[in-house]
Protein backbone atom coordinates (compact mmCIF):
# COMPACT_ATOMS: atom_id res chain seq x y z
CA MET A 1 61.42 197.29 23.55
CA HIS A 2 62.55 198.17 20.16
CA ARG A 3 60.63 201.78 20.70
CA ASP A 4 63.12 202.32 24.20
CA TRP A 5 65.41 204.41 21.79
CA CYS A 6 64.17 208.01 20.79
CA ARG A 7 64.00 209.41 17.09
CA GLY A 8 64.68 213.31 17.03
CA LEU A 9 64.78 216.69 18.07
CA ALA A 10 64.29 219.74 16.09
CA ALA A 11 67.35 220.36 14.55
CA ALA A 12 67.29 224.30 14.59
CA ALA A 13 66.55 224.65 18.30
CA ALA A 14 68.69 227.79 18.35
CA ALA A 15 65.04 229.18 16.91
CA ALA A 16 63.61 229.05 20.37
CA LEU A 17 66.84 229.24 22.24
CA LEU A 18 68.64 231.77 20.74
CA PRO A 19 68.21 235.10 19.75
CA GLY A 20 68.40 235.76 15.81
CA ALA A 21 68.16 231.79 15.11
CA GLU A 22 66.02 230.98 11.84
CA ALA A 23 62.83 229.90 13.26
CA ALA A 24 61.97 227.78 10.03
CA ALA A 25 63.06 224.47 11.18
CA HIS A 26 61.28 220.86 12.35
CA GLY A 27 60.10 220.68 15.85
CA PHE A 28 58.46 223.81 16.36
CA ALA A 29 55.43 224.64 15.52
CA GLY A 30 54.79 228.54 16.07
CA ASP A 31 56.39 229.58 18.78
CA ARG A 32 56.50 225.67 20.32
CA PHE A 33 59.20 224.09 20.43
CA PHE A 34 59.07 219.68 20.91
CA PRO A 35 62.11 218.18 22.10
CA ALA A 36 63.02 214.51 21.28
CA THR A 37 61.73 212.58 23.66
CA ILE A 38 63.74 209.04 24.83
CA LEU A 39 60.67 206.79 25.31
CA THR A 40 57.92 207.77 23.04
CA ASP A 41 58.58 208.44 19.41
CA ASP A 42 58.62 212.19 18.21
CA PRO A 43 55.82 213.66 16.22
CA PHE A 44 58.23 215.48 13.39
CA VAL A 45 60.60 214.89 10.54
CA ALA A 46 64.22 215.50 11.35
CA SER A 47 67.88 214.90 9.97
CA GLU A 48 69.02 213.59 13.72
CA MET A 49 71.20 211.25 15.74
CA SER A 50 71.16 210.02 19.11
CA LEU A 51 74.58 208.10 20.20
CA PRO A 52 74.66 206.95 22.17
CA THR A 53 71.36 205.92 24.64
CA VAL A 54 72.57 203.47 27.55
CA THR A 55 70.22 202.43 29.08
CA LEU A 56 69.44 200.14 32.69
CA ASN A 57 66.62 198.26 32.70
CA PRO A 58 64.86 197.24 36.15
CA THR A 59 65.46 193.91 37.57
CA GLN A 60 63.37 191.53 35.60
CA SER A 61 61.10 188.41 37.74
CA ASP A 62 63.81 186.12 36.93
CA GLY A 63 67.01 188.23 38.81
CA SER A 64 68.61 189.21 35.43
CA ARG A 65 69.76 192.44 34.66
CA GLU A 66 69.90 194.26 31.26
CA LEU A 67 72.04 197.40 29.87
CA ASP A 68 71.61 198.48 26.39
CA LEU A 69 73.62 200.67 24.23
CA GLY A 70 71.45 202.03 21.66
CA SER A 71 72.00 204.54 18.41
CA ASP A 72 69.94 205.55 15.69
CA LEU A 73 69.69 208.03 12.46
CA SER A 74 66.91 209.99 10.53
CA MET A 75 67.47 211.67 7.83
CA ALA A 76 64.73 213.51 5.71
CA ILE A 77 64.19 212.86 2.18
CA THR A 78 61.94 215.80 1.69
CA PRO A 79 61.17 218.51 4.60
CA LYS A 80 58.06 216.15 4.88
CA TRP A 81 59.70 212.81 4.74
CA ASP A 82 62.13 210.86 6.22
CA PHE A 83 64.03 207.98 6.98
CA THR A 84 65.25 205.83 10.43
CA ILE A 85 66.98 203.46 11.12
CA GLY A 86 68.22 202.28 14.59
CA SER A 87 69.25 199.28 16.58
CA ASP A 88 70.81 198.23 20.38
CA TRP A 89 72.97 196.19 21.84
CA ALA A 90 72.58 194.43 24.84
CA HIS A 91 74.47 193.31 27.91
CA ILE A 92 72.19 190.83 30.35
CA ARG A 93 73.67 188.76 33.50
CA SER A 94 71.47 186.53 34.86
CA PRO A 95 71.80 184.44 37.97
CA GLY A 96 73.92 181.49 37.56
CA LEU A 97 74.23 181.96 34.18
CA PRO A 98 76.48 183.44 31.56
CA VAL A 99 76.72 186.89 30.43
CA VAL A 100 74.76 187.37 26.97
CA THR A 101 75.69 189.63 25.08
CA GLY A 102 74.55 191.06 21.08
CA GLY A 103 72.22 192.82 19.10
CA THR A 104 68.93 193.02 19.99
CA GLY A 105 67.44 193.70 16.35
CA LEU A 106 67.72 196.30 13.47
CA THR A 107 64.80 198.79 13.16
CA THR A 108 63.75 201.04 9.94
CA GLY A 109 61.15 203.35 9.32
CA THR A 110 59.06 205.97 7.10
CA GLN A 111 57.51 209.03 8.38
CA TYR A 112 55.07 211.36 6.98
CA GLN A 113 54.39 215.12 8.39
CA LEU A 114 50.01 214.96 8.48
CA PHE A 115 50.17 218.60 9.28
CA ILE A 116 51.66 221.58 11.69
CA ASN A 117 49.55 223.88 12.89
CA ALA A 118 51.45 226.86 14.10
CA PRO A 119 48.45 229.66 15.93
CA HIS A 120 47.82 225.76 18.46
CA GLU A 121 50.71 224.70 18.78
CA ALA A 122 50.18 221.47 16.83
CA MET A 123 51.53 218.71 14.69
CA ALA A 124 51.14 215.05 13.52
CA LEU A 125 53.06 212.70 11.70
CA ALA A 126 52.36 208.79 10.23
CA GLY A 127 54.49 206.55 9.86
CA LEU A 128 55.70 202.76 9.44
CA ASP A 129 58.27 200.44 11.42
CA VAL A 130 59.57 197.65 10.68
CA THR A 131 61.57 195.42 12.97
CA TRP A 132 63.54 192.47 11.21
CA ARG A 133 63.86 189.06 11.78
CA ASN A 134 67.42 187.23 12.18
CA THR A 135 69.03 191.21 12.52
CA GLY A 136 70.86 190.16 16.03
CA ASN A 137 71.44 187.79 18.76
CA LEU A 138 68.55 185.75 19.59
CA ALA A 139 69.75 185.13 23.22
CA ALA A 140 69.82 189.03 23.81
CA GLY A 141 66.05 189.22 22.48
CA ALA A 142 66.22 189.90 18.30
CA PRO A 143 63.21 188.40 16.94
CA ASP A 144 63.24 185.77 15.18
CA PHE A 145 59.99 186.93 12.96
CA THR A 146 59.45 190.49 11.05
CA THR A 147 56.73 192.53 12.42
CA MET A 148 55.69 195.69 10.63
CA SER A 149 54.20 198.47 12.93
CA PRO A 150 51.89 201.73 11.46
CA THR A 151 52.29 204.71 13.82
CA ILE A 152 50.29 207.92 14.58
CA ASP A 153 52.37 210.56 16.71
CA PHE A 154 51.01 213.84 17.75
CA GLY A 155 52.06 216.81 19.56
CA LYS A 156 49.95 219.76 21.12
CA GLY A 157 51.67 222.83 23.38
CA PHE A 158 49.01 224.89 25.57
CA GLY A 159 50.50 228.11 24.15
CA ASP A 160 46.60 229.44 23.13
CA LEU A 161 45.08 229.19 26.38
CA PRO A 162 43.42 232.25 27.38
CA ALA A 163 45.72 235.08 30.07
CA ALA A 164 44.08 233.69 33.00
CA LEU A 165 46.09 230.31 32.57
CA SER A 166 48.99 231.92 31.10
CA TRP A 167 51.49 229.78 33.73
CA LEU A 168 49.71 226.63 31.94
CA ARG A 169 50.94 227.52 28.75
CA PRO A 170 54.62 226.12 28.92
CA PHE A 171 53.27 222.76 29.21
CA ALA A 172 52.91 220.39 26.37
CA LEU A 173 51.74 217.22 25.59
CA THR A 174 53.32 214.02 22.71
CA GLY A 175 52.53 210.75 22.43
CA ASN A 176 51.96 208.19 19.96
CA ILE A 177 49.86 204.66 19.30
CA ALA A 178 50.99 202.02 17.01
CA VAL A 179 50.24 198.16 16.59
CA ASP A 180 52.27 195.56 15.53
CA PHE A 181 51.77 192.96 13.36
CA PRO A 182 53.87 190.04 13.29
CA VAL A 183 54.83 188.95 9.53
CA GLN A 184 54.60 185.28 11.04
CA THR A 185 51.95 184.34 13.52
CA LYS A 186 54.18 181.60 14.94
CA THR A 187 57.32 180.76 15.09
CA ASN A 188 59.04 177.90 16.66
CA GLY A 189 55.73 176.61 18.06
CA THR A 190 55.81 179.99 19.59
CA LEU A 191 53.01 182.25 19.12
CA ASN A 192 53.30 185.64 18.07
CA PRO A 193 50.70 188.32 19.35
CA ASN A 194 49.99 191.45 17.79
CA ASP A 195 50.55 194.25 20.27
CA VAL A 196 49.22 197.97 20.91
CA PHE A 197 51.81 200.16 21.97
CA TYR A 198 50.60 203.53 23.28
CA GLY A 199 52.58 206.30 24.88
CA PHE A 200 52.62 209.83 25.88
CA ALA A 201 55.01 212.70 26.78
CA VAL A 202 53.81 215.70 29.55
CA GLU A 203 56.45 218.16 29.07
CA TYR A 204 56.96 222.09 30.75
CA SER A 205 59.21 223.87 29.05
CA ILE A 206 61.17 226.77 30.91
CA THR A 207 62.63 228.04 27.55
CA TYR A 208 58.51 228.87 26.44
CA LEU A 209 58.36 230.30 29.81
CA GLN A 210 60.44 232.83 29.67
CA SER A 211 60.19 233.86 26.40
CA GLU A 212 56.09 233.41 26.40
CA VAL A 213 54.96 233.86 29.64
CA LYS A 214 57.40 235.76 31.90
CA ASP A 215 60.90 235.93 32.28
CA ILE A 216 61.83 234.66 35.85
CA GLY A 217 65.56 235.56 35.30
CA LEU A 218 67.40 231.89 35.23
CA GLY A 219 70.30 231.67 33.41
CA THR A 220 72.28 228.90 31.37
CA PRO A 221 72.09 226.19 31.95
CA PHE A 222 68.31 226.47 33.66
CA ASN A 223 66.86 228.61 30.69
CA ARG A 224 67.16 225.46 27.99
CA MET A 225 66.00 223.13 30.24
CA ILE A 226 62.57 221.16 30.17
CA PRO A 227 61.29 218.64 32.89
CA LEU A 228 58.83 216.00 31.60
CA VAL A 229 56.99 212.55 32.54
CA GLU A 230 56.91 209.90 30.05
CA PHE A 231 54.60 206.96 30.04
CA ALA A 232 54.38 203.97 27.72
CA LEU A 233 52.66 200.92 27.70
CA THR A 234 52.67 198.11 25.33
CA SER A 235 49.35 195.00 25.34
CA PRO A 236 49.29 192.30 23.60
CA PHE A 237 45.45 191.43 22.33
CA ASN A 238 45.45 187.83 21.14
CA ARG A 239 47.16 184.96 20.63
CA GLY A 240 46.71 183.83 24.33
CA TYR A 241 48.77 186.83 25.71
CA ALA A 242 45.81 189.29 26.29
CA GLY A 243 46.58 190.59 29.82
CA THR A 244 49.83 190.70 30.00
CA THR A 245 50.24 194.67 29.74
CA THR A 246 53.76 195.55 30.24
CA GLY A 247 55.06 199.49 30.47
CA THR A 248 56.82 202.05 32.40
CA VAL A 249 57.16 205.32 33.64
CA GLN A 250 60.01 207.87 33.43
CA PRO A 251 60.44 211.09 34.86
CA GLY A 252 63.80 213.48 33.94
CA MET A 253 64.77 216.58 32.02
CA ILE A 254 66.23 217.61 28.67
CA TRP A 255 68.76 220.15 28.45
CA ALA A 256 68.35 221.54 24.75
CA GLY A 257 71.01 223.47 23.04
CA GLN A 258 71.79 224.70 19.43
CA TYR A 259 73.29 221.50 17.93
CA PHE A 260 72.82 218.29 20.27
CA GLN A 261 70.32 217.94 23.13
CA VAL A 262 71.29 215.40 26.69
CA GLY A 263 68.04 214.30 27.89
CA ALA A 264 68.01 211.74 31.52
CA GLU A 265 65.10 210.09 32.87
CA MET A 266 64.24 207.21 35.79
CA ILE A 267 62.83 204.17 34.56
CA ILE A 268 59.75 202.51 36.87
CA PRO A 269 58.28 199.63 35.61
CA THR A 270 54.31 199.61 35.85
CA ASN A 271 53.73 196.52 37.13
CA SER A 272 55.75 192.72 37.96
CA LEU A 273 55.56 191.82 34.51
CA SER A 274 57.49 195.10 33.80
CA GLY A 275 60.32 194.18 36.49
CA HIS A 276 60.98 195.66 39.61
CA GLY A 277 63.27 198.63 41.17
CA ILE A 278 64.29 201.68 39.28
CA GLY A 279 66.50 201.95 35.85
CA GLY A 280 67.87 204.94 34.20
CA VAL A 281 68.33 206.04 31.06
CA VAL A 282 70.67 209.02 29.14
CA GLN A 283 71.06 210.14 25.49
CA LEU A 284 73.05 212.11 23.33
CA HIS A 285 71.11 213.72 20.27
CA PHE A 286 72.81 215.57 17.64
CA TYR A 287 71.01 218.10 15.09
CA LEU A 288 72.24 217.34 11.92
CA ASP A 289 70.38 219.65 10.16
CA ASP A 290 71.43 222.16 12.45
CA LEU A 291 75.39 220.93 12.43
CA PHE A 292 75.34 220.34 8.72
CA PRO A 293 72.76 222.58 6.93
CA HIS A 294 74.29 222.74 3.77
CA GLY A 295 75.62 218.68 3.74
CA ILE A 296 74.20 215.47 5.29
CA GLY A 297 71.37 217.64 7.29
CA ARG A 298 69.83 219.07 4.54
CA PRO A 299 66.67 217.29 3.03
CA ILE A 300 67.43 215.36 -0.23
CA THR A 301 64.96 217.18 -2.31
CA GLN A 302 62.28 219.86 -1.63
CA TRP A 303 59.40 218.83 -2.52
């Protein structure tokens, strides 16, 4: 699916990870740092880049296996508004058939930060994604119709829990919901349904544990790790496709440094329609506004 790539990581991750780093950066709500997640969208505006995201998907019901190489870029226009662009290249092997390769379509988007509540470690944004027709190889999964997808993304840390529940304070929850609206309801005799996409990630920050709850003495690289589990489902709801929900569960780990992050997750299908067996994904993600704070990583305007 076109959201199997992530949009971001807080560019100044060092604010939570390195002493003396500047704390006024995206991805932070108070003391809470929200990392970029791979499967689900992020709840913050950013200047960042994922290159590459390598995904080996579970085997499909027809025996095919797909390997995707993805990239995406997000650039801040203002501190609260950004523009995103991303695309994947697919390599598909099917039993008894020639290998199929090609782009899976171009997606562009824009996002606006609705709020950041520091005391309650909460944030949310609204966005609009557009996946464009005829921007890839139809045989590799590129669409032959354009789809517009309004989205809401949110994040909530649990650092405001009472002292009696201090060991739960490193937990955080991020999530998003989107609805796909095909510009054409039918192409080449095939109906194009509306889909609801909904996903969330449960994270446990070792950095938050050691800096805000109790220092348990973990050193590099473990002090920068964030174990997490992501869940995402896509549910068509009309035009004859109702009841064909697909999705994945993806347990994994993110390591977040000052200028980049590395993430890796297993891919476990939720049902037979989603495939069978286990897949995996790894991603290298750069914080452009930390790498180039006075250049391309800076918002175009401070408005």
